[in-house]
Protein backbone atom coordinates (compact mmCIF):
# COMPACT_ATOMS: atom_id res chain seq x y z
CA MET A 1 -18.11 -5.94 6.40
CA ALA A 2 -16.03 -8.53 7.34
CA SER A 3 -11.88 -8.47 7.02
CA LYS A 4 -10.31 -11.19 4.90
CA THR A 5 -7.69 -13.11 6.19
CA LYS A 6 -3.82 -13.45 4.71
CA VAL A 7 -4.97 -16.70 2.84
CA GLU A 8 -8.50 -15.50 1.89
CA ILE A 9 -6.02 -12.25 -0.24
CA VAL A 10 -3.56 -14.54 -1.52
CA GLU A 11 -5.94 -17.09 -2.69
CA GLU A 12 -7.83 -14.29 -4.41
CA LEU A 13 -4.96 -12.87 -5.94
CA ASP A 14 -3.63 -16.43 -7.20
CA GLU A 15 -7.38 -16.82 -9.44
CA HIS A 16 -5.47 -14.43 -11.99
CA ASP A 17 -3.92 -16.83 -14.07
CA GLU A 18 -1.43 -14.32 -16.11
CA MET A 19 0.09 -11.66 -13.79
CA ASN A 20 2.83 -9.44 -14.99
CA PRO A 21 6.40 -9.98 -13.35
CA LEU A 22 5.62 -5.98 -11.58
CA PHE A 23 2.71 -7.19 -9.73
CA GLU A 24 3.69 -10.31 -8.78
CA MET A 25 6.51 -8.83 -7.22
CA VAL A 26 4.43 -5.77 -5.41
CA ARG A 27 1.78 -8.62 -4.09
CA LYS A 28 4.36 -10.35 -2.63
CA VAL A 29 5.41 -7.23 -0.84
CA LEU A 30 1.98 -6.16 0.13
CA LEU A 31 1.31 -9.31 1.40
CA ALA A 32 4.68 -9.78 3.26
CA GLY A 33 4.02 -6.59 4.58
CA ILE A 34 0.35 -7.11 5.77
CA GLY A 35 1.40 -10.46 7.57
CA ALA A 36 3.91 -8.70 9.30
CA VAL A 37 1.92 -5.64 10.63
CA ALA A 38 -0.85 -8.27 11.54
CA LEU A 39 1.47 -10.67 13.45
CA GLY A 40 3.46 -8.01 14.81
CA LYS A 41 0.57 -6.51 16.71
CA GLU A 42 -0.86 -9.98 18.14
CA GLU A 43 2.39 -10.59 19.27
CA ILE A 44 2.58 -7.19 21.46
CA GLU A 45 -0.52 -7.24 23.11
CA ASP A 46 0.25 -10.88 24.15
CA PHE A 47 3.17 -9.60 25.34
CA VAL A 48 1.79 -6.42 27.07
CA ASP A 49 -1.22 -8.71 28.55
CA ARG A 50 1.49 -11.50 30.13
CA LEU A 51 3.09 -8.65 31.86
CA VAL A 52 -0.08 -7.07 33.06
CA GLU A 53 -1.38 -10.15 34.14
CA ARG A 54 2.13 -10.94 36.01
CA GLY A 55 1.77 -7.55 37.67
CA GLU A 56 4.87 -5.96 36.37
CA ILE A 57 2.94 -3.00 34.44
CA ALA A 58 -0.39 -1.49 35.02
CA GLU A 59 -3.33 -1.78 32.45
CA LYS A 60 -3.50 1.37 31.46
CA ASP A 61 0.23 1.55 31.06
CA GLY A 62 0.28 -1.47 29.48
CA ARG A 63 -2.64 0.11 26.52
CA LYS A 64 -0.53 2.95 26.18
CA LEU A 65 2.65 0.84 25.53
CA VAL A 66 0.42 -1.15 23.01
CA ARG A 67 -0.93 2.26 21.41
CA GLU A 68 2.87 4.14 21.47
CA VAL A 69 4.86 1.43 19.58
CA MET A 70 1.54 0.52 17.14
CA GLU A 71 1.50 4.29 16.27
CA ARG A 72 5.63 3.97 15.73
CA ARG A 73 4.84 0.97 13.59
CA LYS A 74 2.49 3.26 11.63
CA LYS A 75 4.64 5.67 10.91
CA GLU A 76 7.71 3.13 9.74
CA ALA A 77 4.93 1.45 7.55
CA ARG A 78 4.38 4.74 6.00
CA LYS A 79 8.05 5.49 5.26
CA ALA A 80 8.07 1.94 3.77
CA GLU A 81 5.13 2.22 1.73
CA ASP A 82 6.67 5.87 0.59
CA GLU A 83 9.74 4.22 -0.12
CA LEU A 84 7.70 1.65 -2.17
CA ASN A 85 5.98 4.10 -4.09
CA LYS A 86 9.41 5.57 -5.53
CA ASN A 87 10.90 2.30 -6.23
CA VAL A 88 7.81 1.54 -8.18
CA GLU A 89 8.11 4.86 -10.62
CA THR A 90 11.57 4.45 -10.84
CA VAL A 91 11.04 1.25 -12.45
CA LEU A 92 7.87 2.35 -14.49
CA ASP A 93 10.01 5.09 -15.61
CA LYS A 94 12.95 2.90 -16.65
CA MET A 95 10.51 1.10 -18.48
CA ASN A 96 8.99 4.20 -20.11
CA VAL A 97 5.43 3.70 -19.01
CA PRO A 98 3.64 6.52 -19.27
CA SER A 99 2.48 8.55 -15.45
CA LYS A 100 -0.99 9.29 -15.22
CA ALA A 101 0.39 12.78 -15.44
CA ASP A 102 1.41 12.34 -18.83
CA ILE A 103 -1.98 10.59 -19.60
CA GLU A 104 -3.41 13.99 -18.61
CA ALA A 105 -1.38 16.19 -20.26
CA LEU A 106 -1.32 14.70 -23.51
CA SER A 107 -5.32 14.55 -23.11
CA GLU A 108 -5.50 18.10 -22.79
CA LYS A 109 -3.18 18.45 -25.89
CA ILE A 110 -5.32 16.16 -27.88
CA THR A 111 -8.37 18.34 -26.78
CA ALA A 112 -7.22 21.14 -27.66
CA LEU A 113 -6.20 20.12 -30.95
CA SER A 114 -9.61 18.80 -31.17
CA LYS A 115 -11.11 22.26 -30.60
CA LYS A 116 -9.05 24.06 -33.21
CA ILE A 117 -9.35 21.57 -35.99
CA ASP A 118 -13.47 21.81 -35.33
CA GLU A 119 -12.78 26.00 -35.56
CA LEU A 120 -10.73 25.79 -39.29
CA LYS A 121 -13.74 22.78 -40.01
CA LYS A 122 -16.21 25.72 -39.83
CA SER A 123 -14.28 28.61 -41.49
């Protein structure tokens, strides 16, 4: 499966005529993150390749350096994702949008009430 470029993703998302403001904000943040990570990896690899070509570091050390930098960036990306999730939850809470857990709890209550109604009908 071929991966999509940032431009293809943007074009695909732009096909939706009516986007709500929250979706638009999240879309922009995610696209910025995708572009920054992709561009950053290419730049890091190019920089390390130049150091290896000039003989300033060994190829083995260069691969290790790229791997370490990418691992650190993944950790930072996870932290940023967690922070984004918290912010989205806060916004949804302020907008009084029910969470998945709220909907599941209501669904369980409705099921329990439906069973009670069926039992009362039988008696």
